[in-house]
C-alpha atoms as a PDB file:
ATOM      1  CA  UNK A   1      13.387   6.377 -13.341  1.00  0.00           C
ATOM      2  CA  UNK A   2      15.728   3.264 -13.857  1.00  0.00           C
ATOM      3  CA  UNK A   3      15.370  -0.172 -12.183  1.00  0.00           C
ATOM      4  CA  UNK A   4      17.705  -0.745  -9.455  1.00  0.00           C
ATOM      5  CA  UNK A   5      20.087  -3.659 -10.099  1.00  0.00           C
ATOM      6  CA  UNK A   6      18.994  -7.124  -8.920  1.00  0.00           C
ATOM      7  CA  UNK A   7      20.826  -8.233  -5.568  1.00  0.00           C
ATOM      8  CA  UNK A   8      21.280 -11.703  -4.378  1.00  0.00           C
ATOM      9  CA  UNK A   9      19.141 -12.314  -1.351  1.00  0.00           C
ATOM     10  CA  UNK A  10      21.264 -12.333   1.895  1.00  0.00           C
ATOM     11  CA  UNK A  11      20.790 -13.974   5.192  1.00  0.00           C
ATOM     12  CA  UNK A  12      20.256 -11.464   7.652  1.00  0.00           C
ATOM     13  CA  UNK A  13      20.606 -11.824  11.564  1.00  0.00           C
ATOM     14  CA  UNK A  14      19.240 -15.131  12.140  1.00  0.00           C
ATOM     15  CA  UNK A  15      16.373 -15.061   9.633  1.00  0.00           C
ATOM     16  CA  UNK A  16      15.183 -18.689   9.565  1.00  0.00           C
ATOM     17  CA  UNK A  17      13.639 -19.387   6.252  1.00  0.00           C
ATOM     18  CA  UNK A  18      12.145 -17.702   3.170  1.00  0.00           C
ATOM     19  CA  UNK A  19       8.770 -19.446   4.007  1.00  0.00           C
ATOM     20  CA  UNK A  20       8.535 -17.371   7.171  1.00  0.00           C
ATOM     21  CA  UNK A  21       6.102 -14.508   6.674  1.00  0.00           C
ATOM     22  CA  UNK A  22       7.958 -11.100   6.778  1.00  0.00           C
ATOM     23  CA  UNK A  23       5.064  -9.596   8.704  1.00  0.00           C
ATOM     24  CA  UNK A  24       2.533 -11.543  10.961  1.00  0.00           C
ATOM     25  CA  UNK A  25       0.011  -9.908  12.982  1.00  0.00           C
ATOM     26  CA  UNK A  26      -2.513 -11.692  15.236  1.00  0.00           C
ATOM     27  CA  UNK A  27      -5.416 -10.105  17.054  1.00  0.00           C
ATOM     28  CA  UNK A  28      -3.633  -6.698  17.258  1.00  0.00           C
ATOM     29  CA  UNK A  29      -5.141  -4.255  19.700  1.00  0.00           C
ATOM     30  CA  UNK A  30      -4.533  -0.745  20.466  1.00  0.00           C
ATOM     31  CA  UNK A  31      -6.327   1.249  23.082  1.00  0.00           C
ATOM     32  CA  UNK A  32      -6.088   5.049  23.961  1.00  0.00           C
ATOM     33  CA  UNK A  33      -7.953   5.176  27.252  1.00  0.00           C
ATOM     34  CA  UNK A  34     -11.629   4.416  26.517  1.00  0.00           C
ATOM     35  CA  UNK A  35     -10.964   4.583  22.705  1.00  0.00           C
ATOM     36  CA  UNK A  36     -10.096   1.590  20.689  1.00  0.00           C
ATOM     37  CA  UNK A  37      -8.036   2.195  17.728  1.00  0.00           C
ATOM     38  CA  UNK A  38      -7.449  -1.400  16.692  1.00  0.00           C
ATOM     39  CA  UNK A  39      -9.684  -4.134  17.646  1.00  0.00           C
ATOM     40  CA  UNK A  40      -8.419  -7.637  16.590  1.00  0.00           C
ATOM     41  CA  UNK A  41      -6.582  -7.019  13.394  1.00  0.00           C
ATOM     42  CA  UNK A  42      -4.902 -10.221  12.000  1.00  0.00           C
ATOM     43  CA  UNK A  43      -2.957 -10.551   8.607  1.00  0.00           C
ATOM     44  CA  UNK A  44       0.508 -11.784   7.119  1.00  0.00           C
ATOM     45  CA  UNK A  45       2.634 -10.453   4.479  1.00  0.00           C
ATOM     46  CA  UNK A  46       4.924 -12.868   2.679  1.00  0.00           C
ATOM     47  CA  UNK A  47       8.396 -12.434   1.580  1.00  0.00           C
ATOM     48  CA  UNK A  48       8.565 -10.346  -1.866  1.00  0.00           C
ATOM     49  CA  UNK A  49       5.041  -9.547  -2.012  1.00  0.00           C
ATOM     50  CA  UNK A  50       3.545  -5.828  -2.094  1.00  0.00           C
ATOM     51  CA  UNK A  51       0.824  -5.631   0.336  1.00  0.00           C
ATOM     52  CA  UNK A  52      -1.670  -2.448   0.463  1.00  0.00           C
ATOM     53  CA  UNK A  53      -3.406  -1.589   3.772  1.00  0.00           C
ATOM     54  CA  UNK A  54      -6.456   0.579   2.857  1.00  0.00           C
ATOM     55  CA  UNK A  55      -9.044   2.379   4.746  1.00  0.00           C
ATOM     56  CA  UNK A  56     -10.445   5.831   5.380  1.00  0.00           C
ATOM     57  CA  UNK A  57      -8.740   8.352   7.517  1.00  0.00           C
ATOM     58  CA  UNK A  58      -8.757   7.370  11.234  1.00  0.00           C
ATOM     59  CA  UNK A  59      -9.551   3.719  10.379  1.00  0.00           C
ATOM     60  CA  UNK A  60      -6.296   2.497  12.098  1.00  0.00           C
ATOM     61  CA  UNK A  61      -4.025   2.277   9.267  1.00  0.00           C
ATOM     62  CA  UNK A  62      -1.242   4.551  10.616  1.00  0.00           C
ATOM     63  CA  UNK A  63      -1.451   2.956  14.176  1.00  0.00           C
ATOM     64  CA  UNK A  64      -1.002  -0.562  12.660  1.00  0.00           C
ATOM     65  CA  UNK A  65       2.168   0.654  10.760  1.00  0.00           C
ATOM     66  CA  UNK A  66       3.615   2.619  13.669  1.00  0.00           C
ATOM     67  CA  UNK A  67       3.377  -0.445  15.792  1.00  0.00           C
ATOM     68  CA  UNK A  68       5.011  -2.608  13.024  1.00  0.00           C
ATOM     69  CA  UNK A  69       7.618  -0.079  12.716  1.00  0.00           C
ATOM     70  CA  UNK A  70       8.358  -0.144  16.367  1.00  0.00           C
ATOM     71  CA  UNK A  71       7.463   3.369  17.174  1.00  0.00           C
ATOM     72  CA  UNK A  72       4.322   2.560  19.169  1.00  0.00           C
ATOM     73  CA  UNK A  73       3.533  -0.187  21.641  1.00  0.00           C
ATOM     74  CA  UNK A  74       0.409  -2.278  21.165  1.00  0.00           C
ATOM     75  CA  UNK A  75      -2.101  -3.005  23.741  1.00  0.00           C
ATOM     76  CA  UNK A  76      -2.695  -6.551  22.839  1.00  0.00           C
ATOM     77  CA  UNK A  77      -2.222  -9.448  20.447  1.00  0.00           C
ATOM     78  CA  UNK A  78       1.056 -10.392  18.669  1.00  0.00           C
ATOM     79  CA  UNK A  79       3.357  -8.929  15.927  1.00  0.00           C
ATOM     80  CA  UNK A  80       6.298 -10.218  14.289  1.00  0.00           C
ATOM     81  CA  UNK A  81       8.278  -8.311  11.547  1.00  0.00           C
ATOM     82  CA  UNK A  82      11.244  -9.937  10.128  1.00  0.00           C
ATOM     83  CA  UNK A  83      10.988 -12.645  12.911  1.00  0.00           C
ATOM     84  CA  UNK A  84      11.244  -9.985  15.632  1.00  0.00           C
ATOM     85  CA  UNK A  85       8.728  -8.483  17.856  1.00  0.00           C
ATOM     86  CA  UNK A  86       8.864  -4.742  16.774  1.00  0.00           C
ATOM     87  CA  UNK A  87       8.549  -3.557  20.350  1.00  0.00           C
ATOM     88  CA  UNK A  88      11.883  -5.005  21.050  1.00  0.00           C
ATOM     89  CA  UNK A  89      13.525  -4.306  17.773  1.00  0.00           C
ATOM     90  CA  UNK A  90      17.095  -3.091  18.080  1.00  0.00           C
ATOM     91  CA  UNK A  91      19.391  -1.291  15.698  1.00  0.00           C
ATOM     92  CA  UNK A  92      20.279  -4.506  13.604  1.00  0.00           C
ATOM     93  CA  UNK A  93      16.765  -5.165  12.942  1.00  0.00           C
ATOM     94  CA  UNK A  94      15.818  -1.518  12.217  1.00  0.00           C
ATOM     95  CA  UNK A  95      18.564  -1.555   9.633  1.00  0.00           C
ATOM     96  CA  UNK A  96      16.614  -4.175   7.663  1.00  0.00           C
ATOM     97  CA  UNK A  97      13.600  -1.624   7.306  1.00  0.00           C
ATOM     98  CA  UNK A  98      13.263   1.135   4.787  1.00  0.00           C
ATOM     99  CA  UNK A  99      10.497   3.815   6.000  1.00  0.00           C
ATOM    100  CA  UNK A 100       9.027   6.474   3.649  1.00  0.00           C
ATOM    101  CA  UNK A 101       6.766   8.526   5.922  1.00  0.00           C
ATOM    102  CA  UNK A 102       3.813  10.639   4.612  1.00  0.00           C
ATOM    103  CA  UNK A 103       5.713  13.793   5.042  1.00  0.00           C
ATOM    104  CA  UNK A 104       9.561  13.897   5.815  1.00  0.00           C
ATOM    105  CA  UNK A 105       9.596  17.658   6.960  1.00  0.00           C
ATOM    106  CA  UNK A 106      13.153  17.677   5.426  1.00  0.00           C
ATOM    107  CA  UNK A 107      14.216  21.437   4.708  1.00  0.00           C
ATOM    108  CA  UNK A 108      17.491  20.361   3.303  1.00  0.00           C
ATOM    109  CA  UNK A 109      20.418  22.763   3.606  1.00  0.00           C
ATOM    110  CA  UNK A 110      22.297  19.824   2.214  1.00  0.00           C
ATOM    111  CA  UNK A 111      22.620  18.342  -1.555  1.00  0.00           C
ATOM    112  CA  UNK A 112      20.834  15.282  -2.661  1.00  0.00           C
ATOM    113  CA  UNK A 113      24.144  13.320  -2.967  1.00  0.00           C
ATOM    114  CA  UNK A 114      25.374  14.583   0.456  1.00  0.00           C
ATOM    115  CA  UNK A 115      22.223  13.516   2.263  1.00  0.00           C
ATOM    116  CA  UNK A 116      22.156  10.017   0.707  1.00  0.00           C
ATOM    117  CA  UNK A 117      25.847   9.413   1.275  1.00  0.00           C
ATOM    118  CA  UNK A 118      25.155  10.332   4.824  1.00  0.00           C
ATOM    119  CA  UNK A 119      22.295   7.872   5.182  1.00  0.00           C
ATOM    120  CA  UNK A 120      24.335   5.183   3.306  1.00  0.00           C
ATOM    121  CA  UNK A 121      27.098   5.166   6.017  1.00  0.00           C
ATOM    122  CA  UNK A 122      24.547   4.141   8.813  1.00  0.00           C
ATOM    123  CA  UNK A 123      23.751   0.664   7.041  1.00  0.00           C
ATOM    124  CA  UNK A 124      26.081  -2.401   6.802  1.00  0.00           C
ATOM    125  CA  UNK A 125      25.258  -3.134   3.113  1.00  0.00           C
ATOM    126  CA  UNK A 126      23.879  -0.024   1.305  1.00  0.00           C
ATOM    127  CA  UNK A 127      22.990   0.264  -2.199  1.00  0.00           C
ATOM    128  CA  UNK A 128      25.405   2.471  -4.413  1.00  0.00           C
ATOM    129  CA  UNK A 129      24.494   6.206  -4.023  1.00  0.00           C
ATOM    130  CA  UNK A 130      24.803   6.625  -7.828  1.00  0.00           C
ATOM    131  CA  UNK A 131      22.375   3.667  -8.355  1.00  0.00           C
ATOM    132  CA  UNK A 132      19.824   5.003  -6.210  1.00  0.00           C
ATOM    133  CA  UNK A 133      20.014   8.547  -7.496  1.00  0.00           C
ATOM    134  CA  UNK A 134      19.750   7.244 -10.951  1.00  0.00           C
ATOM    135  CA  UNK A 135      16.741   4.845  -9.843  1.00  0.00           C
ATOM    136  CA  UNK A 136      14.715   7.869  -8.463  1.00  0.00           C
ATOM    137  CA  UNK A 137      15.462  10.168 -11.306  1.00  0.00           C
ATOM    138  CA  UNK A 138      17.508  12.747  -9.664  1.00  0.00           C
ATOM    139  CA  UNK A 139      20.670  12.527 -11.557  1.00  0.00           C
ATOM    140  CA  UNK A 140      20.669  16.224 -12.765  1.00  0.00           C
ATOM    141  CA  UNK A 141      19.477  17.274  -9.383  1.00  0.00           C
ATOM    142  CA  UNK A 142      22.240  15.314  -7.182  1.00  0.00           C
ATOM    143  CA  UNK A 143      24.194  18.529  -6.398  1.00  0.00           C
ATOM    144  CA  UNK A 144      21.137  20.615  -5.605  1.00  0.00           C
ATOM    145  CA  UNK A 145      20.157  21.493  -2.084  1.00  0.00           C
ATOM    146  CA  UNK A 146      17.174  19.603  -0.839  1.00  0.00           C
ATOM    147  CA  UNK A 147      15.332  22.803   0.038  1.00  0.00           C
ATOM    148  CA  UNK A 148      15.540  23.936  -3.602  1.00  0.00           C
ATOM    149  CA  UNK A 149      13.728  20.942  -5.017  1.00  0.00           C
ATOM    150  CA  UNK A 150      10.102  20.846  -5.976  1.00  0.00           C
ATOM    151  CA  UNK A 151       7.625  18.897  -3.951  1.00  0.00           C
ATOM    152  CA  UNK A 152       7.706  15.764  -6.207  1.00  0.00           C
ATOM    153  CA  UNK A 153      11.638  15.869  -6.175  1.00  0.00           C
ATOM    154  CA  UNK A 154      11.615  15.878  -2.532  1.00  0.00           C
ATOM    155  CA  UNK A 155       9.340  13.023  -2.434  1.00  0.00           C
ATOM    156  CA  UNK A 156      11.767  11.149  -4.590  1.00  0.00           C
ATOM    157  CA  UNK A 157      14.613  11.919  -2.102  1.00  0.00           C
ATOM    158  CA  UNK A 158      12.343  10.502   0.676  1.00  0.00           C
ATOM    159  CA  UNK A 159      12.093   7.189  -1.252  1.00  0.00           C
ATOM    160  CA  UNK A 160      15.766   7.253  -2.003  1.00  0.00           C
ATOM    161  CA  UNK A 161      16.565   7.374   1.727  1.00  0.00           C
ATOM    162  CA  UNK A 162      14.045   4.656   2.280  1.00  0.00           C
ATOM    163  CA  UNK A 163      15.744   2.167  -0.037  1.00  0.00           C
ATOM    164  CA  UNK A 164      19.322   3.273   0.329  1.00  0.00           C
ATOM    165  CA  UNK A 165      20.021   0.747   3.070  1.00  0.00           C
ATOM    166  CA  UNK A 166      18.990  -2.148   0.889  1.00  0.00           C
ATOM    167  CA  UNK A 167      15.798  -2.901   3.166  1.00  0.00           C
ATOM    168  CA  UNK A 168      14.097  -6.206   3.098  1.00  0.00           C
ATOM    169  CA  UNK A 169      10.786  -4.613   4.263  1.00  0.00           C
ATOM    170  CA  UNK A 170       9.931  -1.148   2.771  1.00  0.00           C
ATOM    171  CA  UNK A 171       7.077   0.987   4.431  1.00  0.00           C
ATOM    172  CA  UNK A 172       5.429   3.339   1.925  1.00  0.00           C
ATOM    173  CA  UNK A 173       3.068   5.718   3.578  1.00  0.00           C
ATOM    174  CA  UNK A 174       0.971   7.744   0.975  1.00  0.00           C
ATOM    175  CA  UNK A 175       4.106   7.954  -1.273  1.00  0.00           C
ATOM    176  CA  UNK A 176       2.550   9.596  -4.214  1.00  0.00           C
ATOM    177  CA  UNK A 177       0.383  12.382  -2.497  1.00  0.00           C
ATOM    178  CA  UNK A 178       0.933  15.540  -4.335  1.00  0.00           C
ATOM    179  CA  UNK A 179       2.439  13.891  -7.492  1.00  0.00           C
ATOM    180  CA  UNK A 180       1.178  14.703 -10.954  1.00  0.00           C
ATOM    181  CA  UNK A 181       0.110  11.886 -13.167  1.00  0.00           C
ATOM    182  CA  UNK A 182       3.471  11.435 -15.015  1.00  0.00           C
ATOM    183  CA  UNK A 183       5.406  11.375 -11.693  1.00  0.00           C
ATOM    184  CA  UNK A 184       3.038   8.795 -10.299  1.00  0.00           C
ATOM    185  CA  UNK A 185       3.526   6.539 -13.072  1.00  0.00           C
ATOM    186  CA  UNK A 186       7.351   7.053 -13.043  1.00  0.00           C
ATOM    187  CA  UNK A 187       7.224   6.246  -9.228  1.00  0.00           C
ATOM    188  CA  UNK A 188       5.156   3.214  -9.914  1.00  0.00           C
ATOM    189  CA  UNK A 189       7.928   1.872 -12.198  1.00  0.00           C
ATOM    190  CA  UNK A 190      10.370   2.447  -9.302  1.00  0.00           C
ATOM    191  CA  UNK A 191       8.110   0.395  -6.939  1.00  0.00           C
ATOM    192  CA  UNK A 192       7.904  -2.462  -9.584  1.00  0.00           C
ATOM    193  CA  UNK A 193      11.770  -2.388  -9.920  1.00  0.00           C
ATOM    194  CA  UNK A 194      12.046  -2.799  -5.914  1.00  0.00           C
ATOM    195  CA  UNK A 195       9.577  -5.584  -5.868  1.00  0.00           C
ATOM    196  CA  UNK A 196      11.500  -7.380  -8.681  1.00  0.00           C
ATOM    197  CA  UNK A 197      14.697  -6.834  -6.356  1.00  0.00           C
ATOM    198  CA  UNK A 198      13.135  -8.984  -3.833  1.00  0.00           C
ATOM    199  CA  UNK A 199      11.843  -6.123  -1.536  1.00  0.00           C
ATOM    200  CA  UNK A 200       8.749  -6.766   0.709  1.00  0.00           C
ATOM    201  CA  UNK A 201       6.395  -3.572   0.541  1.00  0.00           C
ATOM    202  CA  UNK A 202       3.809  -2.463   2.812  1.00  0.00           C
ATOM    203  CA  UNK A 203       2.011   0.250   1.084  1.00  0.00           C
ATOM    204  CA  UNK A 204      -0.702   2.658   2.239  1.00  0.00           C
ATOM    205  CA  UNK A 205      -2.421   4.720  -0.261  1.00  0.00           C
ATOM    206  CA  UNK A 206      -5.660   6.712  -0.806  1.00  0.00           C
ATOM    207  CA  UNK A 207      -5.332   6.176  -4.590  1.00  0.00           C
ATOM    208  CA  UNK A 208      -7.131   3.008  -5.312  1.00  0.00           C
ATOM    209  CA  UNK A 209      -5.788   2.686  -8.810  1.00  0.00           C
ATOM    210  CA  UNK A 210      -2.305   2.807  -7.377  1.00  0.00           C
ATOM    211  CA  UNK A 211      -3.167  -0.156  -5.048  1.00  0.00           C
ATOM    212  CA  UNK A 212      -4.590  -2.062  -7.965  1.00  0.00           C
ATOM    213  CA  UNK A 213      -1.457  -1.445  -9.876  1.00  0.00           C
ATOM    214  CA  UNK A 214       1.150  -2.346  -7.270  1.00  0.00           C
ATOM    215  CA  UNK A 215      -0.261  -4.684  -4.907  1.00  0.00           C
ATOM    216  CA  UNK A 216      -0.449  -8.351  -4.853  1.00  0.00           C
ATOM    217  CA  UNK A 217      -2.935  -8.522  -1.783  1.00  0.00           C
ATOM    218  CA  UNK A 218      -4.774  -5.843   0.197  1.00  0.00           C
ATOM    219  CA  UNK A 219      -6.310  -5.535   3.756  1.00  0.00           C
ATOM    220  CA  UNK A 220      -9.013  -3.181   4.370  1.00  0.00           C
ATOM    221  CA  UNK A 221      -9.450  -1.589   7.846  1.00  0.00           C
ATOM    222  CA  UNK A 222     -12.552   0.198   8.923  1.00  0.00           C
ATOM    223  CA  UNK A 223     -13.176   1.669  12.529  1.00  0.00           C
ATOM    224  CA  UNK A 224     -10.010  -0.341  13.835  1.00  0.00           C
ATOM    225  CA  UNK A 225     -11.327  -3.676  12.356  1.00  0.00           C
ATOM    226  CA  UNK A 226     -10.049  -5.616   9.329  1.00  0.00           C
ATOM    227  CA  UNK A 227     -13.160  -5.895   7.035  1.00  0.00           C
ATOM    228  CA  UNK A 228     -11.381  -7.542   3.989  1.00  0.00           C
ATOM    229  CA  UNK A 229      -8.172  -9.485   3.323  1.00  0.00           C
ATOM    230  CA  UNK A 230      -7.346 -11.073  -0.036  1.00  0.00           C
ATOM    231  CA  UNK A 231      -5.764 -10.908  -3.502  1.00  0.00           C
ATOM    232  CA  UNK A 232      -6.151  -7.500  -5.062  1.00  0.00           C
ATOM    233  CA  UNK A 233      -8.495  -8.860  -7.656  1.00  0.00           C
ATOM    234  CA  UNK A 234     -10.632 -10.947  -5.434  1.00  0.00           C
ATOM    235  CA  UNK A 235     -11.008  -8.892  -2.343  1.00  0.00           C
ATOM    236  CA  UNK A 236     -14.646  -8.258  -1.432  1.00  0.00           C
ATOM    237  CA  UNK A 237     -15.680 -11.548  -2.772  1.00  0.00           C
ATOM    238  CA  UNK A 238     -17.161 -12.627  -6.170  1.00  0.00           C
ATOM    239  CA  UNK A 239     -20.557 -10.782  -5.459  1.00  0.00           C
ATOM    240  CA  UNK A 240     -18.856  -7.471  -5.256  1.00  0.00           C
ATOM    241  CA  UNK A 241     -17.523  -7.898  -8.773  1.00  0.00           C
ATOM    242  CA  UNK A 242     -20.640  -8.796 -10.512  1.00  0.00           C
ATOM    243  CA  UNK A 243     -20.642  -6.713 -13.611  1.00  0.00           C
ATOM    244  CA  UNK A 244     -23.398  -4.140 -14.262  1.00  0.00           C
ATOM    245  CA  UNK A 245     -25.152  -3.744 -17.722  1.00  0.00           C
ATOM    246  CA  UNK A 246     -26.338  -0.292 -18.385  1.00  0.00           C
ATOM    247  CA  UNK A 247     -28.516   0.821 -21.224  1.00  0.00           C
ATOM    248  CA  UNK A 248     -30.987   3.391 -22.423  1.00  0.00           C
ATOM    249  CA  UNK A 249     -34.880   2.479 -22.387  1.00  0.00           C
ATOM    250  CA  UNK A 250     -37.055   5.342 -21.353  1.00  0.00           C
ATOM    251  CA  UNK A 251     -34.253   6.605 -19.214  1.00  0.00           C
ATOM    252  CA  UNK A 252     -31.054   5.076 -18.000  1.00  0.00           C
ATOM    253  CA  UNK A 253     -31.609   1.395 -16.598  1.00  0.00           C
ATOM    254  CA  UNK A 254     -29.135  -0.917 -15.361  1.00  0.00           C
ATOM    255  CA  UNK A 255     -28.959  -4.580 -14.207  1.00  0.00           C
ATOM    256  CA  UNK A 256     -26.313  -6.394 -12.139  1.00  0.00           C
ATOM    257  CA  UNK A 257     -25.687  -9.786 -13.531  1.00  0.00           C
ATOM    258  CA  UNK A 258     -22.935 -12.411 -13.438  1.00  0.00           C
ATOM    259  CA  UNK A 259     -23.819 -13.338 -17.168  1.00  0.00           C
ATOM    260  CA  UNK A 260     -23.746  -9.974 -19.111  1.00  0.00           C
ATOM    261  CA  UNK A 261     -23.410 -11.562 -22.543  1.00  0.00           C
ATOM    262  CA  UNK A 262     -26.654 -13.480 -21.767  1.00  0.00           C
ATOM    263  CA  UNK A 263     -28.577 -10.594 -20.470  1.00  0.00           C
ATOM    264  CA  UNK A 264     -27.475  -8.346 -23.411  1.00  0.00           C
ATOM    265  CA  UNK A 265     -28.670 -11.150 -26.064  1.00  0.00           C
ATOM    266  CA  UNK A 266     -31.996 -11.225 -24.215  1.00  0.00           C
ATOM    267  CA  UNK A 267     -32.178  -7.406 -24.354  1.00  0.00           C
ATOM    268  CA  UNK A 268     -31.545  -7.257 -28.004  1.00  0.00           C
ATOM    269  CA  UNK A 269     -34.246  -9.877 -28.516  1.00  0.00           C
ATOM    270  CA  UNK A 270     -36.717  -7.998 -26.620  1.00  0.00           C
ATOM    271  CA  UNK A 271     -36.001  -4.608 -28.105  1.00  0.00           C
ATOM    272  CA  UNK A 272     -35.585  -6.032 -31.643  1.00  0.00           C
ATOM    273  CA  UNK A 273     -32.957  -3.172 -32.157  1.00  0.00           C
ATOM    274  CA  UNK A 274     -29.411  -2.359 -31.298  1.00  0.00           C
ATOM    275  CA  UNK A 275     -29.483  -1.492 -27.564  1.00  0.00           C
ATOM    276  CA  UNK A 276     -29.009   2.369 -27.267  1.00  0.00           C
ATOM    277  CA  UNK A 277     -26.596   3.436 -24.726  1.00  0.00           C
ATOM    278  CA  UNK A 278     -25.174  -0.003 -23.907  1.00  0.00           C
ATOM    279  CA  UNK A 279     -22.253  -0.652 -21.764  1.00  0.00           C
ATOM    280  CA  UNK A 280     -20.766  -3.161 -19.383  1.00  0.00           C
ATOM    281  CA  UNK A 281     -19.220  -1.963 -16.201  1.00  0.00           C
ATOM    282  CA  UNK A 282     -17.089  -4.114 -14.306  1.00  0.00           C
ATOM    283  CA  UNK A 283     -16.481  -2.921 -10.633  1.00  0.00           C
ATOM    284  CA  UNK A 284     -13.060  -1.581 -10.024  1.00  0.00           C
ATOM    285  CA  UNK A 285     -11.029  -1.817  -6.718  1.00  0.00           C
ATOM    286  CA  UNK A 286     -12.245   1.452  -5.800  1.00  0.00           C
ATOM    287  CA  UNK A 287     -15.874   0.487  -6.318  1.00  0.00           C
ATOM    288  CA  UNK A 288     -15.345  -2.684  -4.210  1.00  0.00           C
ATOM    289  CA  UNK A 289     -13.517  -0.710  -1.568  1.00  0.00           C
ATOM    290  CA  UNK A 290     -16.277   2.003  -1.259  1.00  0.00           C
ATOM    291  CA  UNK A 291     -18.875  -0.748  -0.850  1.00  0.00           C
ATOM    292  CA  UNK A 292     -17.131  -2.525   1.903  1.00  0.00           C
ATOM    293  CA  UNK A 293     -16.342   0.552   3.737  1.00  0.00           C
ATOM    294  CA  UNK A 294     -20.036   1.772   3.378  1.00  0.00           C
ATOM    295  CA  UNK A 295     -21.360  -1.662   4.418  1.00  0.00           C
ATOM    296  CA  UNK A 296     -19.069  -1.839   7.675  1.00  0.00           C
ATOM    297  CA  UNK A 297     -19.985   1.663   8.574  1.00  0.00           C
ATOM    298  CA  UNK A 298     -23.771   0.551   8.520  1.00  0.00           C
ATOM    299  CA  UNK A 299     -23.112  -2.417  10.495  1.00  0.00           C
ATOM    300  CA  UNK A 300     -21.276  -0.428  13.062  1.00  0.00           C
ATOM    301  CA  UNK A 301     -24.007   2.110  13.340  1.00  0.00           C
ATOM    302  CA  UNK A 302     -26.702  -0.636  13.964  1.00  0.00           C
ATOM    303  CA  UNK A 303     -24.437  -2.264  16.733  1.00  0.00           C
ATOM    304  CA  UNK A 304     -24.258   1.088  18.291  1.00  0.00           C
ATOM    305  CA  UNK A 305     -27.887   1.727  18.167  1.00  0.00           C
ATOM    306  CA  UNK A 306     -28.615  -1.877  19.541  1.00  0.00           C
ATOM    307  CA  UNK A 307     -25.927  -1.452  22.284  1.00  0.00           C
END
């Protein structure tokens, strides 16, 4: 995949300032009868950043994104996307968005080039079809019917359709589901190129390594509530990132400590030998995320029991 050519930022439809958040959500709520899907979610996404919205299935991620895309009405709270209430966004506003759904359902009795050319005609300032085809690595398949592509190649078409209109904000919903490792890394390169091009990206993914690789910040949703928000290497707080020292001494033993070097020195002094099986484990984003979701679930259960 090739990097998309850099484009000079343009002024769109009354956009006021580059300091205005691209997405601003305040106390967002969504009810389906007696069921509360979103309960007071608040966050902002700054221009040019990649923001990961994380959470287990049914947590409220899709509902949040559909509200921001203008496809679903909210029950309460406030939402602004590119300075507009998404519930009132018109065609000019929608032309500033790029959306890559979890599954396109595209059967494709049309070639890759024909499909992209058709979509490009909908936008006032589209990217070059040739540049986008090259960027998603489909030059050799541009004359192939979409229905004859592999699953990974169809996913690249989805991404190409999402970026052909030169969006200011790109929604990526589980973009690499079904990709093999090589295709995932190629896709990451494309997303980094879009970011360097100034595109703001809202990403949902169940691959926590993907979120760690691509995102500047993340929000974690569980049971309709935002339980964590922050920089990708700080979310969950310092306590969640304390390293674990693991070693062998009559079995596997471990100690969580903020000063692993000092602890290891004391181990070596006490044992008087090289410490067997010694390793230092620094919690990954996945470790932090799983701990947050587990803790939130326990709090929710206690609340229900006490209700």
